[in-house]
Amino acid sequence: MVREADKSVGGKGSLGNEKLGIGTQGVYPRGKMTPDDKGLLAVAMAPNKEKGIIMIDFGTSISWIGLTPDDARAFAKALIERSDELEA
């Protein structure tokens, strides 16, 4: 499960100086998927207009993410919203 970070909480992310609650959260909303599961992952997404790309900060090194269909749609929606911001 992945959620887009709330920019008002957590540690400092690499996308800017605002505080981002990014990285693994140590909670397991759907139970532990595998023995190496680190729990809920909060990410930050930001358009970089100068480079014409969307930056995604996972806040940690990750090997895999598990997404339900709803999680996948929410992640895709966030990417599309950042894409729209990039092209605005």
Protein backbone atom coordinates (compact mmCIF):
# COMPACT_ATOMS: atom_id res chain seq x y z
CA MET A 1 0.00 0.00 0.00
CA VAL A 2 1.31 3.43 -0.94
CA ARG A 3 -0.01 6.82 0.10
CA GLU A 4 1.03 10.25 -1.05
CA ALA A 5 2.79 11.98 1.83
CA ASP A 6 1.18 14.74 3.82
CA LYS A 7 3.61 17.63 3.38
CA SER A 8 2.86 18.89 6.89
CA VAL A 9 4.21 15.90 8.84
CA GLY A 10 7.22 13.63 9.10
CA GLY A 11 10.86 13.96 8.13
CA LYS A 12 12.57 16.06 5.49
CA GLY A 13 12.30 14.72 1.95
CA SER A 14 14.59 15.21 -1.01
CA LEU A 15 12.03 17.13 -3.10
CA GLY A 16 12.38 20.36 -1.15
CA ASN A 17 12.64 21.91 2.27
CA GLU A 18 9.09 21.18 3.40
CA LYS A 19 8.59 18.41 5.92
CA LEU A 20 7.31 15.23 4.30
CA GLY A 21 6.07 12.11 6.08
CA ILE A 22 7.72 9.88 3.48
CA GLY A 23 9.20 6.40 3.66
CA THR A 24 8.05 3.24 5.36
CA GLN A 25 5.57 3.84 8.16
CA GLY A 26 5.83 0.56 10.10
CA VAL A 27 2.08 -0.07 9.95
CA TYR A 28 0.44 -2.92 8.05
CA PRO A 29 -3.13 -1.99 6.99
CA ARG A 30 -3.60 -5.34 5.23
CA GLY A 31 -1.21 -7.44 7.29
CA LYS A 32 2.40 -8.28 6.46
CA MET A 33 2.64 -9.43 2.82
CA THR A 34 6.11 -11.04 3.08
CA PRO A 35 8.70 -11.49 5.85
CA ASP A 36 10.65 -8.45 4.55
CA ASP A 37 7.56 -6.20 4.29
CA LYS A 38 8.31 -2.78 5.83
CA GLY A 39 4.67 -1.69 5.91
CA LEU A 40 2.81 1.27 4.47
CA LEU A 41 4.99 3.40 2.19
CA ALA A 42 4.35 7.13 1.93
CA VAL A 43 5.82 8.85 -1.13
CA ALA A 44 6.14 12.42 -2.34
CA MET A 45 5.55 13.38 -5.97
CA ALA A 46 6.44 16.73 -7.48
CA PRO A 47 6.67 18.04 -11.03
CA ASN A 48 10.06 19.47 -12.00
CA LYS A 49 9.14 21.91 -14.78
CA GLU A 50 12.77 22.80 -15.47
CA LYS A 51 13.63 19.20 -16.34
CA GLY A 52 10.16 18.25 -17.61
CA ILE A 53 9.83 15.25 -15.28
CA ILE A 54 7.90 14.09 -12.23
CA MET A 55 10.12 13.34 -9.24
CA ILE A 56 8.95 10.55 -6.92
CA ASP A 57 10.66 10.36 -3.52
CA PHE A 58 10.13 7.04 -1.74
CA GLY A 59 12.11 8.19 1.31
CA THR A 60 13.93 4.85 1.45
CA SER A 61 15.37 2.11 -0.73
CA ILE A 62 12.62 -0.29 -1.76
CA SER A 63 12.59 -3.61 -3.59
CA TRP A 64 8.87 -3.85 -4.28
CA ILE A 65 5.49 -2.32 -3.59
CA GLY A 66 2.16 -4.12 -3.32
CA LEU A 67 -0.93 -2.37 -4.62
CA THR A 68 -4.58 -3.34 -4.55
CA PRO A 69 -6.54 -2.25 -7.62
CA ASP A 70 -7.77 0.81 -5.68
CA ASP A 71 -4.21 1.63 -4.53
CA ALA A 72 -2.96 1.33 -8.12
CA ARG A 73 -5.70 3.67 -9.34
CA ALA A 74 -4.89 6.21 -6.61
CA PHE A 75 -1.16 6.07 -7.47
CA ALA A 76 -1.97 6.48 -11.17
CA LYS A 77 -4.33 9.38 -10.39
CA ALA A 78 -1.60 11.14 -8.39
CA LEU A 79 0.84 10.66 -11.30
CA ILE A 80 -1.70 12.02 -13.77
CA GLU A 81 -2.38 15.04 -11.51
CA ARG A 82 1.38 15.79 -11.31
CA SER A 83 1.60 15.33 -15.10
CA ASP A 84 -1.19 17.86 -15.55
CA GLU A 85 0.66 20.27 -13.24
CA LEU A 86 3.80 19.77 -15.29
CA GLU A 87 2.03 20.62 -18.53
CA ALA A 88 0.01 23.56 -17.13
